[in-house]
Structure formats: structure tokens, C-alpha cells
PDB file of N, CA and C in Angstrom:
ATOM      1  N   MET A   1       0.878  -1.351  -0.160  1.00  0.00           N
ATOM      2  CA  MET A   1      -0.126  -0.019  -0.192  1.00  0.00           C
ATOM      3  C   MET A   1       0.843   1.371  -0.055  1.00  0.00           C
ATOM      4  N   VAL A   2       0.369   2.166  -0.599  1.00  0.00           N
ATOM      5  CA  VAL A   2       1.161   3.520  -0.784  1.00  0.00           C
ATOM      6  C   VAL A   2       0.436   4.658   0.323  1.00  0.00           C
ATOM      7  N   SER A   3       1.169   5.218   1.072  1.00  0.00           N
ATOM      8  CA  SER A   3       0.716   6.011   2.153  1.00  0.00           C
ATOM      9  C   SER A   3       1.078   7.429   1.942  1.00  0.00           C
ATOM     10  N   ARG A   4       0.154   8.186   2.206  1.00  0.00           N
ATOM     11  CA  ARG A   4       0.335   9.630   2.245  1.00  0.00           C
ATOM     12  C   ARG A   4       1.761  10.007   3.296  1.00  0.00           C
ATOM     13  N   GLY A   5       2.499  10.938   2.436  1.00  0.00           N
ATOM     14  CA  GLY A   5       3.805  11.361   3.344  1.00  0.00           C
ATOM     15  C   GLY A   5       4.892  10.343   2.951  1.00  0.00           C
ATOM     16  N   GLU A   6       4.804   9.563   2.100  1.00  0.00           N
ATOM     17  CA  GLU A   6       5.939   8.605   1.743  1.00  0.00           C
ATOM     18  C   GLU A   6       6.785   9.090   0.660  1.00  0.00           C
ATOM     19  N   VAL A   7       7.979   8.829   0.571  1.00  0.00           N
ATOM     20  CA  VAL A   7       8.700   9.494  -0.594  1.00  0.00           C
ATOM     21  C   VAL A   7       9.044   8.034  -1.387  1.00  0.00           C
ATOM     22  N   TRP A   8       8.832   7.859  -2.831  1.00  0.00           N
ATOM     23  CA  TRP A   8       9.043   6.576  -3.352  1.00  0.00           C
ATOM     24  C   TRP A   8      10.016   7.067  -4.705  1.00  0.00           C
ATOM     25  N   GLU A   9      10.683   5.957  -5.039  1.00  0.00           N
ATOM     26  CA  GLU A   9      11.366   5.911  -6.443  1.00  0.00           C
ATOM     27  C   GLU A   9      10.199   5.617  -7.404  1.00  0.00           C
ATOM     28  N   TYR A  10      10.205   6.353  -8.414  1.00  0.00           N
ATOM     29  CA  TYR A  10       9.183   6.068  -9.207  1.00  0.00           C
ATOM     30  C   TYR A  10       9.749   6.294 -10.668  1.00  0.00           C
ATOM     31  N   ILE A  11       9.227   5.268 -11.597  1.00  0.00           N
ATOM     32  CA  ILE A  11       9.511   5.320 -13.041  1.00  0.00           C
ATOM     33  C   ILE A  11       8.473   5.529 -13.862  1.00  0.00           C
ATOM     34  N   ALA A  12       8.664   6.499 -14.806  1.00  0.00           N
ATOM     35  CA  ALA A  12       7.565   6.720 -15.845  1.00  0.00           C
ATOM     36  C   ALA A  12       8.272   6.805 -17.086  1.00  0.00           C
ATOM     37  N   GLY A  13       7.882   5.871 -17.917  1.00  0.00           N
ATOM     38  CA  GLY A  13       8.654   5.681 -19.414  1.00  0.00           C
ATOM     39  C   GLY A  13      10.090   5.307 -18.966  1.00  0.00           C
ATOM     40  N   SER A  14      10.855   6.219 -19.777  1.00  0.00           N
ATOM     41  CA  SER A  14      12.322   5.907 -19.349  1.00  0.00           C
ATOM     42  C   SER A  14      12.986   6.976 -18.274  1.00  0.00           C
ATOM     43  N   GLN A  15      12.168   7.699 -17.621  1.00  0.00           N
ATOM     44  CA  GLN A  15      12.675   8.608 -16.657  1.00  0.00           C
ATOM     45  C   GLN A  15      12.495   8.016 -15.246  1.00  0.00           C
ATOM     46  N   GLN A  16      13.254   8.165 -14.455  1.00  0.00           N
ATOM     47  CA  GLN A  16      13.334   7.914 -12.979  1.00  0.00           C
ATOM     48  C   GLN A  16      13.017   9.165 -12.161  1.00  0.00           C
ATOM     49  N   TYR A  17      12.161   9.084 -11.217  1.00  0.00           N
ATOM     50  CA  TYR A  17      12.055  10.241 -10.242  1.00  0.00           C
ATOM     51  C   TYR A  17      11.863   9.674  -8.865  1.00  0.00           C
ATOM     52  N   ARG A  18      11.727  10.763  -8.039  1.00  0.00           N
ATOM     53  CA  ARG A  18      11.373  10.445  -6.639  1.00  0.00           C
ATOM     54  C   ARG A  18      10.342  11.362  -6.505  1.00  0.00           C
ATOM     55  N   VAL A  19       9.082  10.843  -5.772  1.00  0.00           N
ATOM     56  CA  VAL A  19       7.888  11.466  -5.522  1.00  0.00           C
ATOM     57  C   VAL A  19       7.301  11.377  -3.991  1.00  0.00           C
ATOM     58  N   LEU A  20       6.684  12.375  -3.592  1.00  0.00           N
ATOM     59  CA  LEU A  20       5.975  12.506  -2.425  1.00  0.00           C
ATOM     60  C   LEU A  20       4.602  12.252  -2.522  1.00  0.00           C
ATOM     61  N   VAL A  21       4.028  11.285  -1.787  1.00  0.00           N
ATOM     62  CA  VAL A  21       2.814  10.863  -1.976  1.00  0.00           C
ATOM     63  C   VAL A  21       1.779  11.996  -1.172  1.00  0.00           C
ATOM     64  N   ILE A  22       0.857  12.760  -1.810  1.00  0.00           N
ATOM     65  CA  ILE A  22       0.024  13.524  -1.034  1.00  0.00           C
ATOM     66  C   ILE A  22      -1.479  13.286  -0.954  1.00  0.00           C
ATOM     67  N   SER A  23      -1.928  12.251  -1.412  1.00  0.00           N
ATOM     68  CA  SER A  23      -3.411  11.780  -1.479  1.00  0.00           C
ATOM     69  C   SER A  23      -3.526  11.081  -0.422  1.00  0.00           C
ATOM     70  N   ASN A  24      -4.785  11.222   0.082  1.00  0.00           N
ATOM     71  CA  ASN A  24      -4.877  10.635   1.718  1.00  0.00           C
ATOM     72  C   ASN A  24      -4.953   9.124   1.382  1.00  0.00           C
ATOM     73  N   ASP A  25      -4.897   8.307   2.548  1.00  0.00           N
ATOM     74  CA  ASP A  25      -4.739   6.757   2.509  1.00  0.00           C
ATOM     75  C   ASP A  25      -6.164   6.258   2.222  1.00  0.00           C
ATOM     76  N   GLU A  26      -7.239   7.116   2.492  1.00  0.00           N
ATOM     77  CA  GLU A  26      -8.479   6.500   2.191  1.00  0.00           C
ATOM     78  C   GLU A  26      -8.695   6.263   0.587  1.00  0.00           C
ATOM     79  N   TRP A  27      -8.189   7.426  -0.069  1.00  0.00           N
ATOM     80  CA  TRP A  27      -8.284   7.234  -1.389  1.00  0.00           C
ATOM     81  C   TRP A  27      -7.042   6.239  -2.187  1.00  0.00           C
ATOM     82  N   ASN A  28      -5.927   6.194  -1.218  1.00  0.00           N
ATOM     83  CA  ASN A  28      -4.795   5.110  -1.863  1.00  0.00           C
ATOM     84  C   ASN A  28      -5.218   3.838  -1.729  1.00  0.00           C
ATOM     85  N   ASP A  29      -6.123   3.609  -0.729  1.00  0.00           N
ATOM     86  CA  ASP A  29      -6.500   2.205  -0.417  1.00  0.00           C
ATOM     87  C   ASP A  29      -7.563   1.429  -1.555  1.00  0.00           C
ATOM     88  N   GLN A  30      -8.064   2.615  -2.274  1.00  0.00           N
ATOM     89  CA  GLN A  30      -9.205   2.051  -3.110  1.00  0.00           C
ATOM     90  C   GLN A  30      -8.658   1.375  -4.246  1.00  0.00           C
ATOM     91  N   PRO A  31      -9.025   0.194  -4.692  1.00  0.00           N
ATOM     92  CA  PRO A  31      -8.570  -0.425  -5.942  1.00  0.00           C
ATOM     93  C   PRO A  31      -8.655  -0.021  -7.302  1.00  0.00           C
ATOM     94  N   GLY A  32      -7.662   0.208  -7.921  1.00  0.00           N
ATOM     95  CA  GLY A  32      -7.594   0.710  -9.332  1.00  0.00           C
ATOM     96  C   GLY A  32      -7.525   2.059  -9.243  1.00  0.00           C
ATOM     97  N   VAL A  33      -7.164   2.967  -8.360  1.00  0.00           N
ATOM     98  CA  VAL A  33      -6.961   4.349  -8.312  1.00  0.00           C
ATOM     99  C   VAL A  33      -5.379   4.559  -8.411  1.00  0.00           C
ATOM    100  N   SER A  34      -5.139   5.854  -8.827  1.00  0.00           N
ATOM    101  CA  SER A  34      -3.743   6.323  -8.970  1.00  0.00           C
ATOM    102  C   SER A  34      -3.615   7.313  -7.796  1.00  0.00           C
ATOM    103  N   PRO A  35      -2.526   6.900  -6.935  1.00  0.00           N
ATOM    104  CA  PRO A  35      -2.348   8.111  -5.917  1.00  0.00           C
ATOM    105  C   PRO A  35      -1.816   9.654  -6.810  1.00  0.00           C
ATOM    106  N   TRP A  36      -1.892  10.634  -5.774  1.00  0.00           N
ATOM    107  CA  TRP A  36      -1.331  11.883  -6.377  1.00  0.00           C
ATOM    108  C   TRP A  36      -0.256  12.120  -5.639  1.00  0.00           C
ATOM    109  N   GLY A  37       0.886  12.798  -6.234  1.00  0.00           N
ATOM    110  CA  GLY A  37       2.218  13.238  -5.676  1.00  0.00           C
ATOM    111  C   GLY A  37       2.718  14.248  -6.059  1.00  0.00           C
ATOM    112  N   LEU A  38       3.805  14.584  -5.564  1.00  0.00           N
ATOM    113  CA  LEU A  38       4.546  15.754  -6.169  1.00  0.00           C
ATOM    114  C   LEU A  38       6.138  15.280  -6.326  1.00  0.00           C
ATOM    115  N   PHE A  39       6.514  16.006  -7.542  1.00  0.00           N
ATOM    116  CA  PHE A  39       8.186  15.498  -7.789  1.00  0.00           C
ATOM    117  C   PHE A  39       9.081  16.013  -6.723  1.00  0.00           C
ATOM    118  N   ILE A  40      10.085  15.473  -6.560  1.00  0.00           N
ATOM    119  CA  ILE A  40      11.195  15.678  -5.633  1.00  0.00           C
ATOM    120  C   ILE A  40      12.573  15.733  -6.511  1.00  0.00           C
ATOM    121  N   ALA A  41      13.197  16.705  -6.320  1.00  0.00           N
ATOM    122  CA  ALA A  41      14.549  17.009  -6.967  1.00  0.00           C
ATOM    123  C   ALA A  41      15.642  17.365  -6.224  1.00  0.00           C
ATOM    124  N   ARG A  42      17.072  17.011  -6.418  1.00  0.00           N
ATOM    125  CA  ARG A  42      17.977  17.492  -5.601  1.00  0.00           C
ATOM    126  C   ARG A  42      18.293  18.845  -5.397  1.00  0.00           C
ATOM    127  N   THR A  43      17.718  19.709  -6.518  1.00  0.00           N
ATOM    128  CA  THR A  43      17.885  21.190  -6.502  1.00  0.00           C
ATOM    129  C   THR A  43      16.767  21.705  -7.060  1.00  0.00           C
ATOM    130  N   GLY A  44      16.454  22.966  -6.975  1.00  0.00           N
ATOM    131  CA  GLY A  44      15.255  23.685  -7.696  1.00  0.00           C
ATOM    132  C   GLY A  44      15.324  25.252  -7.189  1.00  0.00           C
ATOM    133  N   PRO A  45      14.421  26.037  -7.856  1.00  0.00           N
ATOM    134  CA  PRO A  45      14.175  27.245  -7.434  1.00  0.00           C
ATOM    135  C   PRO A  45      13.848  27.662  -5.915  1.00  0.00           C
ATOM    136  N   GLN A  46      14.019  28.797  -5.593  1.00  0.00           N
ATOM    137  CA  GLN A  46      13.744  29.133  -4.215  1.00  0.00           C
ATOM    138  C   GLN A  46      12.401  29.423  -4.058  1.00  0.00           C
ATOM    139  N   THR A  47      11.456  29.563  -4.977  1.00  0.00           N
ATOM    140  CA  THR A  47      10.038  29.662  -4.797  1.00  0.00           C
ATOM    141  C   THR A  47       9.302  28.480  -5.360  1.00  0.00           C
ATOM    142  N   LEU A  48       8.202  28.265  -4.581  1.00  0.00           N
ATOM    143  CA  LEU A  48       7.230  27.159  -4.970  1.00  0.00           C
ATOM    144  C   LEU A  48       7.873  25.616  -4.560  1.00  0.00           C
ATOM    145  N   THR A  49       8.770  25.555  -3.659  1.00  0.00           N
ATOM    146  CA  THR A  49       9.507  24.349  -3.224  1.00  0.00           C
ATOM    147  C   THR A  49       9.454  24.314  -1.780  1.00  0.00           C
ATOM    148  N   VAL A  50       9.554  23.202  -1.299  1.00  0.00           N
ATOM    149  CA  VAL A  50       9.622  22.824   0.100  1.00  0.00           C
ATOM    150  C   VAL A  50      11.120  22.014   0.382  1.00  0.00           C
ATOM    151  N   GLY A  51      11.781  22.232   1.165  1.00  0.00           N
ATOM    152  CA  GLY A  51      13.199  21.547   1.688  1.00  0.00           C
ATOM    153  C   GLY A  51      12.964  20.422   2.338  1.00  0.00           C
ATOM    154  N   LEU A  52      13.483  19.371   2.014  1.00  0.00           N
ATOM    155  CA  LEU A  52      13.463  18.290   2.837  1.00  0.00           C
ATOM    156  C   LEU A  52      14.598  18.529   4.147  1.00  0.00           C
ATOM    157  N   THR A  53      14.391  18.173   5.220  1.00  0.00           N
ATOM    158  CA  THR A  53      15.328  18.095   6.433  1.00  0.00           C
ATOM    159  C   THR A  53      15.892  17.004   6.525  1.00  0.00           C
ATOM    160  N   GLU A  54      16.853  17.104   7.439  1.00  0.00           N
ATOM    161  CA  GLU A  54      17.587  15.809   7.991  1.00  0.00           C
ATOM    162  C   GLU A  54      16.985  14.787   8.712  1.00  0.00           C
ATOM    163  N   SER A  55      15.528  15.154   9.023  1.00  0.00           N
ATOM    164  CA  SER A  55      14.870  13.972   9.464  1.00  0.00           C
ATOM    165  C   SER A  55      13.845  13.488   8.429  1.00  0.00           C
ATOM    166  N   ASP A  56      13.971  13.794   7.175  1.00  0.00           N
ATOM    167  CA  ASP A  56      13.370  13.330   6.027  1.00  0.00           C
ATOM    168  C   ASP A  56      14.292  12.472   5.007  1.00  0.00           C
ATOM    169  N   PRO A  57      13.479  11.745   4.333  1.00  0.00           N
ATOM    170  CA  PRO A  57      14.270  10.876   3.234  1.00  0.00           C
ATOM    171  C   PRO A  57      14.824  12.093   2.281  1.00  0.00           C
ATOM    172  N   LEU A  58      15.989  11.563   1.626  1.00  0.00           N
ATOM    173  CA  LEU A  58      16.716  12.737   0.827  1.00  0.00           C
ATOM    174  C   LEU A  58      16.922  14.068   1.462  1.00  0.00           C
ATOM    175  N   PRO A  59      17.480  14.090   2.581  1.00  0.00           N
ATOM    176  CA  PRO A  59      17.571  15.572   3.001  1.00  0.00           C
ATOM    177  C   PRO A  59      18.634  16.477   2.312  1.00  0.00           C
ATOM    178  N   GLY A  60      18.105  17.733   2.068  1.00  0.00           N
ATOM    179  CA  GLY A  60      18.608  18.859   1.150  1.00  0.00           C
ATOM    180  C   GLY A  60      17.747  18.839  -0.223  1.00  0.00           C
ATOM    181  N   ALA A  61      16.951  17.812  -0.748  1.00  0.00           N
ATOM    182  CA  ALA A  61      16.325  17.597  -2.004  1.00  0.00           C
ATOM    183  C   ALA A  61      15.315  18.700  -1.530  1.00  0.00           C
ATOM    184  N   VAL A  62      14.480  19.250  -2.821  1.00  0.00           N
ATOM    185  CA  VAL A  62      13.229  19.959  -2.676  1.00  0.00           C
ATOM    186  C   VAL A  62      11.963  19.232  -3.234  1.00  0.00           C
ATOM    187  N   VAL A  63      10.929  19.552  -2.843  1.00  0.00           N
ATOM    188  CA  VAL A  63       9.554  19.174  -3.157  1.00  0.00           C
ATOM    189  C   VAL A  63       9.125  20.176  -4.075  1.00  0.00           C
ATOM    190  N   HIS A  64       8.732  20.003  -5.395  1.00  0.00           N
ATOM    191  CA  HIS A  64       8.403  20.985  -6.273  1.00  0.00           C
ATOM    192  C   HIS A  64       6.882  21.044  -6.186  1.00  0.00           C
ATOM    193  N   ILE A  65       6.157  22.056  -5.565  1.00  0.00           N
ATOM    194  CA  ILE A  65       4.819  22.075  -5.244  1.00  0.00           C
ATOM    195  C   ILE A  65       3.942  22.317  -6.758  1.00  0.00           C
ATOM    196  N   PRO A  66       4.474  23.023  -7.573  1.00  0.00           N
ATOM    197  CA  PRO A  66       3.658  23.043  -8.852  1.00  0.00           C
ATOM    198  C   PRO A  66       3.735  21.799  -9.605  1.00  0.00           C
ATOM    199  N   LYS A  67       4.511  20.851  -9.343  1.00  0.00           N
ATOM    200  CA  LYS A  67       4.605  19.710 -10.191  1.00  0.00           C
ATOM    201  C   LYS A  67       3.819  18.591  -9.583  1.00  0.00           C
ATOM    202  N   VAL A  68       2.582  18.711  -9.622  1.00  0.00           N
ATOM    203  CA  VAL A  68       1.579  17.532  -9.361  1.00  0.00           C
ATOM    204  C   VAL A  68       1.422  16.565 -10.115  1.00  0.00           C
ATOM    205  N   LEU A  69       1.262  15.386  -9.955  1.00  0.00           N
ATOM    206  CA  LEU A  69       1.196  14.210 -10.832  1.00  0.00           C
ATOM    207  C   LEU A  69       0.145  12.981 -10.145  1.00  0.00           C
ATOM    208  N   ARG A  70      -0.501  12.251 -11.161  1.00  0.00           N
ATOM    209  CA  ARG A  70      -0.887  11.197 -10.868  1.00  0.00           C
ATOM    210  C   ARG A  70       0.113  10.080 -10.918  1.00  0.00           C
ATOM    211  N   ILE A  71       0.119   9.027  -9.838  1.00  0.00           N
ATOM    212  CA  ILE A  71       1.284   8.324  -9.858  1.00  0.00           C
ATOM    213  C   ILE A  71       0.670   6.748 -10.350  1.00  0.00           C
ATOM    214  N   ASP A  72       1.310   6.172 -11.330  1.00  0.00           N
ATOM    215  CA  ASP A  72       0.903   4.792 -11.781  1.00  0.00           C
ATOM    216  C   ASP A  72       1.579   3.884 -10.848  1.00  0.00           C
ATOM    217  N   PRO A  73       0.752   3.149  -9.775  1.00  0.00           N
ATOM    218  CA  PRO A  73       1.375   2.126  -8.997  1.00  0.00           C
ATOM    219  C   PRO A  73       2.314   1.220  -9.515  1.00  0.00           C
ATOM    220  N   SER A  74       2.132   0.904 -10.788  1.00  0.00           N
ATOM    221  CA  SER A  74       3.226  -0.126 -11.295  1.00  0.00           C
ATOM    222  C   SER A  74       4.575   0.670 -11.577  1.00  0.00           C
ATOM    223  N   GLY A  75       4.648   1.997 -11.390  1.00  0.00           N
ATOM    224  CA  GLY A  75       6.017   2.482 -11.777  1.00  0.00           C
ATOM    225  C   GLY A  75       6.753   2.805 -10.411  1.00  0.00           C
ATOM    226  N   LEU A  76       6.073   2.479  -9.206  1.00  0.00           N
ATOM    227  CA  LEU A  76       6.552   2.516  -7.964  1.00  0.00           C
ATOM    228  C   LEU A  76       7.606   1.535  -7.605  1.00  0.00           C
ATOM    229  N   ARG A  77       9.013   1.738  -7.306  1.00  0.00           N
ATOM    230  CA  ARG A  77       9.819   0.818  -7.467  1.00  0.00           C
ATOM    231  C   ARG A  77      10.321   0.614  -5.883  1.00  0.00           C
ATOM    232  N   ALA A  78      10.564   1.665  -5.079  1.00  0.00           N
ATOM    233  CA  ALA A  78      11.279   1.614  -3.869  1.00  0.00           C
ATOM    234  C   ALA A  78      10.751   2.794  -2.766  1.00  0.00           C
ATOM    235  N   ASN A  79      10.340   2.136  -1.549  1.00  0.00           N
ATOM    236  CA  ASN A  79       9.797   3.371  -0.721  1.00  0.00           C
ATOM    237  C   ASN A  79      11.306   3.697   0.115  1.00  0.00           C
ATOM    238  N   CYS A  80      11.272   4.969   0.147  1.00  0.00           N
ATOM    239  CA  CYS A  80      12.438   5.662   0.652  1.00  0.00           C
ATOM    240  C   CYS A  80      12.181   6.155   2.074  1.00  0.00           C
ATOM    241  N   GLY A  81      10.885   6.099   2.656  1.00  0.00           N
ATOM    242  CA  GLY A  81      10.413   6.559   4.084  1.00  0.00           C
ATOM    243  C   GLY A  81       9.293   7.370   3.980  1.00  0.00           C
ATOM    244  N   HIS A  82       9.121   8.112   5.137  1.00  0.00           N
ATOM    245  CA  HIS A  82       8.270   9.040   5.325  1.00  0.00           C
ATOM    246  C   HIS A  82       8.729  10.478   5.535  1.00  0.00           C
ATOM    247  N   VAL A  83       8.342  11.511   5.182  1.00  0.00           N
ATOM    248  CA  VAL A  83       8.754  12.782   5.492  1.00  0.00           C
ATOM    249  C   VAL A  83       8.081  13.046   6.954  1.00  0.00           C
ATOM    250  N   SER A  84       8.905  13.939   7.753  1.00  0.00           N
ATOM    251  CA  SER A  84       8.248  14.319   9.042  1.00  0.00           C
ATOM    252  C   SER A  84       6.960  14.973   9.093  1.00  0.00           C
ATOM    253  N   HIS A  85       6.411  15.038  10.226  1.00  0.00           N
ATOM    254  CA  HIS A  85       4.896  15.701  10.259  1.00  0.00           C
ATOM    255  C   HIS A  85       5.391  17.129   9.993  1.00  0.00           C
ATOM    256  N   ASP A  86       6.371  17.852  10.380  1.00  0.00           N
ATOM    257  CA  ASP A  86       6.703  19.107  10.225  1.00  0.00           C
ATOM    258  C   ASP A  86       6.579  19.473   8.561  1.00  0.00           C
ATOM    259  N   THR A  87       7.381  18.657   7.985  1.00  0.00           N
ATOM    260  CA  THR A  87       7.708  18.927   6.412  1.00  0.00           C
ATOM    261  C   THR A  87       6.341  18.529   5.799  1.00  0.00           C
ATOM    262  N   MET A  88       5.536  17.475   6.227  1.00  0.00           N
ATOM    263  CA  MET A  88       4.237  17.516   5.619  1.00  0.00           C
ATOM    264  C   MET A  88       3.254  18.510   5.751  1.00  0.00           C
ATOM    265  N   HIS A  89       3.276  19.059   6.893  1.00  0.00           N
ATOM    266  CA  HIS A  89       2.464  20.213   7.296  1.00  0.00           C
ATOM    267  C   HIS A  89       3.040  21.510   6.413  1.00  0.00           C
ATOM    268  N   THR A  90       4.210  21.705   6.023  1.00  0.00           N
ATOM    269  CA  THR A  90       4.920  22.834   5.272  1.00  0.00           C
ATOM    270  C   THR A  90       4.603  22.540   3.834  1.00  0.00           C
ATOM    271  N   VAL A  91       4.425  21.300   3.230  1.00  0.00           N
ATOM    272  CA  VAL A  91       3.943  20.938   2.075  1.00  0.00           C
ATOM    273  C   VAL A  91       2.477  21.375   1.784  1.00  0.00           C
ATOM    274  N   GLU A  92       1.668  20.802   2.807  1.00  0.00           N
ATOM    275  CA  GLU A  92       0.072  21.253   2.919  1.00  0.00           C
ATOM    276  C   GLU A  92       0.031  22.584   2.967  1.00  0.00           C
ATOM    277  N   GLU A  93       0.583  23.559   3.582  1.00  0.00           N
ATOM    278  CA  GLU A  93       0.578  24.821   3.643  1.00  0.00           C
ATOM    279  C   GLU A  93       0.984  25.524   2.119  1.00  0.00           C
ATOM    280  N   ALA A  94       2.069  25.088   1.624  1.00  0.00           N
ATOM    281  CA  ALA A  94       2.473  25.459   0.152  1.00  0.00           C
ATOM    282  C   ALA A  94       1.530  25.099  -0.693  1.00  0.00           C
ATOM    283  N   LEU A  95       0.671  23.811  -0.847  1.00  0.00           N
ATOM    284  CA  LEU A  95      -0.071  23.571  -1.819  1.00  0.00           C
ATOM    285  C   LEU A  95      -1.292  24.420  -1.687  1.00  0.00           C
ATOM    286  N   ARG A  96      -1.929  24.702  -0.346  1.00  0.00           N
ATOM    287  CA  ARG A  96      -2.949  25.759  -0.146  1.00  0.00           C
ATOM    288  C   ARG A  96      -2.519  27.172  -0.911  1.00  0.00           C
ATOM    289  N   ASP A  97      -1.373  27.464  -0.490  1.00  0.00           N
ATOM    290  CA  ASP A  97      -1.072  28.985  -1.146  1.00  0.00           C
ATOM    291  C   ASP A  97      -1.135  28.780  -2.674  1.00  0.00           C
ATOM    292  N   PHE A  98      -0.415  27.699  -3.190  1.00  0.00           N
ATOM    293  CA  PHE A  98      -0.334  27.640  -4.823  1.00  0.00           C
ATOM    294  C   PHE A  98      -1.565  27.593  -5.346  1.00  0.00           C
ATOM    295  N   LEU A  99      -2.538  26.956  -4.516  1.00  0.00           N
ATOM    296  CA  LEU A  99      -4.132  26.481  -5.307  1.00  0.00           C
ATOM    297  C   LEU A  99      -5.040  27.674  -4.649  1.00  0.00           C
ATOM    298  N   ALA A 100      -4.472  28.696  -3.849  1.00  0.00           N
ATOM    299  CA  ALA A 100      -5.341  29.532  -3.344  1.00  0.00           C
ATOM    300  C   ALA A 100      -6.565  29.041  -2.406  1.00  0.00           C
ATOM    301  N   LEU A 101      -6.260  28.104  -1.666  1.00  0.00           N
ATOM    302  CA  LEU A 101      -7.231  27.376  -0.768  1.00  0.00           C
ATOM    303  C   LEU A 101      -7.317  27.849   0.533  1.00  0.00           C
ATOM    304  N   ILE A 102      -8.464  27.769   1.297  1.00  0.00           N
ATOM    305  CA  ILE A 102      -8.544  28.228   2.611  1.00  0.00           C
ATOM    306  C   ILE A 102      -7.681  27.511   3.471  1.00  0.00           C
ATOM    307  N   HIS A 103      -6.850  28.439   4.506  1.00  0.00           N
ATOM    308  CA  HIS A 103      -5.848  27.563   5.139  1.00  0.00           C
ATOM    309  C   HIS A 103      -6.367  27.316   6.460  1.00  0.00           C
ATOM    310  N   ALA A 104      -7.104  27.699   7.091  1.00  0.00           N
ATOM    311  CA  ALA A 104      -7.506  26.973   8.433  1.00  0.00           C
ATOM    312  C   ALA A 104      -8.184  25.798   8.093  1.00  0.00           C
ATOM    313  N   ARG A 105      -8.078  24.903   9.201  1.00  0.00           N
ATOM    314  CA  ARG A 105      -8.619  23.457   9.113  1.00  0.00           C
ATOM    315  C   ARG A 105     -10.184  23.652   9.254  1.00  0.00           C
ATOM    316  N   SER A 106     -10.859  24.548   8.317  1.00  0.00           N
ATOM    317  CA  SER A 106     -12.137  24.669   8.287  1.00  0.00           C
ATOM    318  C   SER A 106     -13.192  23.319   8.005  1.00  0.00           C
ATOM    319  N   THR A 107     -14.157  23.141   8.740  1.00  0.00           N
ATOM    320  CA  THR A 107     -15.019  22.127   8.285  1.00  0.00           C
ATOM    321  C   THR A 107     -16.227  22.508   7.705  1.00  0.00           C
ATOM    322  N   ALA A 108     -16.135  23.798   7.177  1.00  0.00           N
ATOM    323  CA  ALA A 108     -17.125  24.428   6.380  1.00  0.00           C
ATOM    324  C   ALA A 108     -17.042  24.146   4.932  1.00  0.00           C
ATOM    325  N   TRP A 109     -17.694  23.565   4.265  1.00  0.00           N
ATOM    326  CA  TRP A 109     -17.736  23.473   2.970  1.00  0.00           C
ATOM    327  C   TRP A 109     -18.615  24.255   2.328  1.00  0.00           C
ATOM    328  N   ARG A 110     -18.249  24.937   1.384  1.00  0.00           N
ATOM    329  CA  ARG A 110     -19.144  25.855   0.499  1.00  0.00           C
ATOM    330  C   ARG A 110     -19.365  25.421  -0.862  1.00  0.00           C
ATOM    331  N   CYS A 111     -20.595  25.496  -1.331  1.00  0.00           N
ATOM    332  CA  CYS A 111     -20.997  25.015  -2.835  1.00  0.00           C
ATOM    333  C   CYS A 111     -20.978  26.382  -3.656  1.00  0.00           C
TER     334      CYS A 111
END
């Protein structure tokens, strides 16, 4: 099973990447679905990225917030571990900023 907050080695076509799973575990557990993730690179721009810390897999690498992708589970090769709670929180906040979503953990849904 793929879990939210995990970093994976991922192969798509002839390219190899590292990805951070961002979709929730209830979604990821459903048969036939593709988890959602973000690309991770060794370096990147100073904006729209979140740096991985010493307590994360791949310390010093960066999560690219705008590079959201659907992950084909057949391309997942190796689980590199979970990012820390603090890092995942920072990624969540960066995604909210990027997508202009409400920040507070509001339970009010609006149509």
C-alpha cells in the first residue's frame, strides 16, 4: 500500500523520479486508483518548493509544489521512507498557497 507522506522512487517511461505521495490513505487504499504526488529533485528554484530536512528521506532535496502528478502504482519501485510531520505540514500549507485554498482547518464546505 502507498501512504500519504511517503517518498518513493518512481519510473515513468524511461525517466526515474522521486515523488512524495500527497493523496490521503482512504483514496490510496481504493482498488484501481492512482495516488497523487509531487516531484522531488536534488535542487530547484527558491520559490514554490519545500526543502527536505535531516529528519526526512533525501535531506537537502526539494519538493516541487507546482509539479503535481498522478502516480501509476506499477511505476513505484522503492519506498524511501516518510517525511516528518513538520515537513508534511509545510507541504500542505504550500499547496494551499499555490492553489489559493482556505488555510484554516475549516470544516465548513461551501458550494
